[in-house]
Amino acid sequence: MNGLRRMALLLLLMVAQTAYAGRIDILDTRVWLQDETYLLDADFSYEPDEKVMEALSNGIPVVFRISFAVEEQGLFARELASREMDFMVRYRPLAAFYEVTDSEGNQQTFVSRLALFAYLGELREIPLVRTLDLEAGKEYRYLVKAELDIDSLPLPMRPMAWFSPVWKLSSGWREWPLNP
């Protein structure tokens, strides 16, 4: 009986930890055509767990990855284009600001979490696919996913992060039709 109670308590604690884990949501997307290229605007909501923010405060860099894809719909979906954008976030305690470095090496600084996540939450004019890659009369869709990249954490932290729901922040793939 005692072993059964321990198992039940352990299960309850795991469920409670999952319930309080952070989240990333895709709030809205918009695709529009400019100069023969479809561009994407996307809005995200980031609510990382306090453990993630604590790691940042202790000098651990965290990478948020945004993935995009365009597929031809049908029995055998065919990927036409894909792209990933990484945003490495560091906290600089001596200067008391957050520093974000994107995939292209551009840096931005923010003095508050609110400003940091407002910046990460707005992507604008991201090239998705050229009109030359799309055929008239066919159906297409675009997919978007935002996640915390566990594999970019320092090596000693990865095993713990792989098994902790606190670090498994992901919006999952969301898809919308792309009508050329």
Protein backbone atom coordinates (compact mmCIF):
# COMPACT_ATOMS: atom_id res chain seq x y z
CA MET A 1 0.00 0.00 0.00
CA ASN A 2 2.82 2.35 0.88
CA GLY A 3 4.46 1.81 -2.53
CA LEU A 4 1.16 2.54 -4.26
CA ARG A 5 0.85 5.88 -2.41
CA ARG A 6 4.38 6.85 -3.42
CA MET A 7 3.65 6.06 -7.06
CA ALA A 8 0.43 8.09 -6.91
CA LEU A 9 2.24 11.02 -5.30
CA LEU A 10 5.02 10.86 -7.89
CA LEU A 11 2.46 10.80 -10.70
CA LEU A 12 0.61 13.75 -9.14
CA LEU A 13 3.84 15.75 -8.88
CA MET A 14 4.70 15.03 -12.51
CA VAL A 15 1.24 16.16 -13.65
CA ALA A 16 1.47 19.30 -11.50
CA GLN A 17 4.89 20.13 -12.92
CA THR A 18 3.54 19.72 -16.45
CA ALA A 19 0.56 21.95 -15.64
CA TYR A 20 2.86 24.79 -14.60
CA ALA A 21 5.34 24.42 -17.46
CA GLY A 22 5.69 27.45 -19.72
CA ARG A 23 4.33 27.76 -23.22
CA ILE A 24 4.78 29.28 -26.65
CA ASP A 25 1.75 30.07 -28.79
CA ILE A 26 1.35 31.26 -32.36
CA LEU A 27 -1.21 34.04 -32.09
CA ASP A 28 -1.60 35.08 -35.72
CA THR A 29 0.01 34.86 -39.15
CA ARG A 30 -0.41 36.78 -42.36
CA VAL A 31 1.08 36.03 -45.78
CA TRP A 32 1.32 38.63 -48.51
CA LEU A 33 2.97 38.99 -51.90
CA GLN A 34 5.75 41.47 -52.61
CA ASP A 35 8.08 41.42 -55.63
CA GLU A 36 7.36 37.80 -56.63
CA THR A 37 7.91 36.49 -53.08
CA TYR A 38 5.38 35.53 -50.43
CA LEU A 39 6.30 37.14 -47.11
CA LEU A 40 5.13 36.10 -43.65
CA ASP A 41 4.22 38.19 -40.64
CA ALA A 42 3.73 36.16 -37.45
CA ASP A 43 2.87 36.97 -33.85
CA PHE A 44 3.88 34.72 -30.96
CA SER A 45 3.30 34.63 -27.23
CA TYR A 46 6.20 33.44 -25.05
CA GLU A 47 5.57 32.41 -21.45
CA PRO A 48 8.68 30.50 -20.31
CA ASP A 49 8.70 28.77 -16.95
CA GLU A 50 10.54 30.50 -14.10
CA LYS A 51 13.22 27.77 -14.26
CA VAL A 52 14.06 28.88 -17.82
CA MET A 53 14.21 32.51 -16.69
CA GLU A 54 16.36 31.51 -13.71
CA ALA A 55 18.81 29.76 -16.05
CA LEU A 56 18.94 32.91 -18.19
CA SER A 57 19.56 35.04 -15.09
CA ASN A 58 22.46 32.73 -14.19
CA GLY A 59 24.19 33.29 -17.53
CA ILE A 60 22.86 30.27 -19.47
CA PRO A 61 22.07 31.28 -23.08
CA VAL A 62 18.72 30.05 -24.41
CA VAL A 63 17.87 29.67 -28.10
CA PHE A 64 14.36 30.10 -29.45
CA ARG A 65 13.93 28.60 -32.93
CA ILE A 66 11.22 29.55 -35.43
CA SER A 67 10.72 27.06 -38.27
CA PHE A 68 8.80 27.69 -41.49
CA ALA A 69 7.87 25.42 -44.37
CA VAL A 70 5.77 25.56 -47.54
CA GLU A 71 4.30 22.33 -48.87
CA GLU A 72 2.29 21.30 -51.88
CA GLN A 73 -0.86 19.62 -50.57
CA GLY A 74 -2.01 16.27 -51.81
CA LEU A 75 -1.62 12.57 -51.21
CA PHE A 76 2.16 12.98 -51.10
CA ALA A 77 2.91 16.39 -49.60
CA ARG A 78 6.03 17.83 -51.15
CA GLU A 79 8.11 20.44 -49.32
CA LEU A 80 8.94 23.39 -51.56
CA ALA A 81 10.74 25.63 -49.10
CA SER A 82 11.83 25.60 -45.47
CA ARG A 83 13.75 27.90 -43.19
CA GLU A 84 14.77 28.19 -39.56
CA MET A 85 15.56 31.32 -37.60
CA ASP A 86 17.36 31.16 -34.27
CA PHE A 87 17.26 33.83 -31.58
CA MET A 88 19.90 33.33 -28.88
CA VAL A 89 18.96 35.13 -25.67
CA ARG A 90 21.53 35.98 -23.00
CA TYR A 91 21.18 37.95 -19.82
CA ARG A 92 24.05 40.31 -19.01
CA PRO A 93 23.86 40.69 -15.22
CA LEU A 94 26.49 43.43 -14.84
CA ALA A 95 24.71 45.64 -17.35
CA ALA A 96 21.26 44.29 -16.34
CA PHE A 97 19.91 43.71 -19.84
CA TYR A 98 18.90 40.89 -22.17
CA GLU A 99 20.81 40.50 -25.43
CA VAL A 100 19.29 38.77 -28.46
CA THR A 101 21.42 37.60 -31.38
CA ASP A 102 19.55 36.36 -34.44
CA SER A 103 20.68 33.83 -37.07
CA GLU A 104 22.28 36.57 -39.15
CA GLY A 105 24.34 37.95 -36.25
CA ASN A 106 22.18 41.03 -35.61
CA GLN A 107 21.99 42.01 -31.95
CA GLN A 108 19.32 43.79 -29.94
CA THR A 109 19.28 44.62 -26.23
CA PHE A 110 16.33 44.90 -23.84
CA VAL A 111 16.12 46.04 -20.24
CA SER A 112 12.99 44.05 -19.37
CA ARG A 113 11.47 40.62 -19.96
CA LEU A 114 8.38 42.31 -21.33
CA ALA A 115 10.38 44.14 -24.01
CA LEU A 116 12.40 41.01 -24.80
CA PHE A 117 9.36 38.81 -25.40
CA ALA A 118 7.51 41.58 -27.25
CA TYR A 119 10.44 41.67 -29.70
CA LEU A 120 10.60 37.88 -30.04
CA GLY A 121 6.83 37.81 -30.47
CA GLU A 122 6.78 39.86 -33.68
CA LEU A 123 8.33 38.54 -36.88
CA ARG A 124 7.84 40.65 -39.96
CA GLU A 125 8.52 40.24 -43.68
CA ILE A 126 10.00 36.73 -43.54
CA PRO A 127 10.45 35.35 -47.08
CA LEU A 128 8.54 32.07 -47.43
CA VAL A 129 8.53 31.07 -51.09
CA ARG A 130 8.90 32.63 -54.55
CA THR A 131 5.91 32.66 -56.88
CA LEU A 132 8.10 30.91 -59.48
CA ASP A 133 8.13 27.82 -57.21
CA LEU A 134 4.31 27.58 -57.18
CA GLU A 135 2.08 26.23 -59.94
CA ALA A 136 -1.35 27.65 -60.75
CA GLY A 137 -4.22 25.34 -59.83
CA LYS A 138 -2.34 23.47 -57.10
CA GLU A 139 -3.02 23.71 -53.38
CA TYR A 140 -0.31 24.75 -50.94
CA ARG A 141 0.03 25.31 -47.23
CA TYR A 142 2.56 27.00 -45.00
CA LEU A 143 3.57 25.73 -41.59
CA VAL A 144 5.08 27.56 -38.63
CA LYS A 145 6.55 26.30 -35.35
CA ALA A 146 8.24 28.12 -32.45
CA GLU A 147 10.26 26.26 -29.82
CA LEU A 148 13.03 26.44 -27.27
CA ASP A 149 16.01 24.55 -28.70
CA ILE A 150 17.10 22.11 -25.99
CA ASP A 151 20.09 20.95 -28.05
CA SER A 152 21.61 24.44 -27.87
CA LEU A 153 21.78 24.34 -24.07
CA PRO A 154 25.18 23.63 -22.50
CA LEU A 155 25.94 19.90 -22.63
CA PRO A 156 25.60 19.25 -18.87
CA MET A 157 22.03 20.68 -18.90
CA ARG A 158 20.67 18.73 -21.88
CA PRO A 159 19.81 15.37 -20.22
CA MET A 160 17.81 17.15 -17.50
CA ALA A 161 16.10 19.35 -20.12
CA TRP A 162 15.16 16.39 -22.34
CA PHE A 163 13.12 14.86 -19.50
CA SER A 164 11.68 18.01 -17.96
CA PRO A 165 8.47 19.56 -19.32
CA VAL A 166 9.76 22.96 -18.16
CA TRP A 167 12.22 23.00 -21.06
CA LYS A 168 9.96 21.48 -23.72
CA LEU A 169 8.51 24.76 -24.90
CA SER A 170 6.99 24.39 -28.36
CA SER A 171 3.98 25.69 -30.20
CA GLY A 172 3.91 22.55 -32.31
CA TRP A 173 3.42 22.84 -36.05
CA ARG A 174 0.49 25.02 -37.11
CA GLU A 175 -0.61 25.21 -40.73
CA TRP A 176 -2.61 27.53 -42.97
CA PRO A 177 -3.56 27.42 -46.65
CA LEU A 178 -1.41 29.37 -49.08
CA ASN A 179 -3.44 30.46 -52.08
CA PRO A 180 -1.29 31.71 -54.96
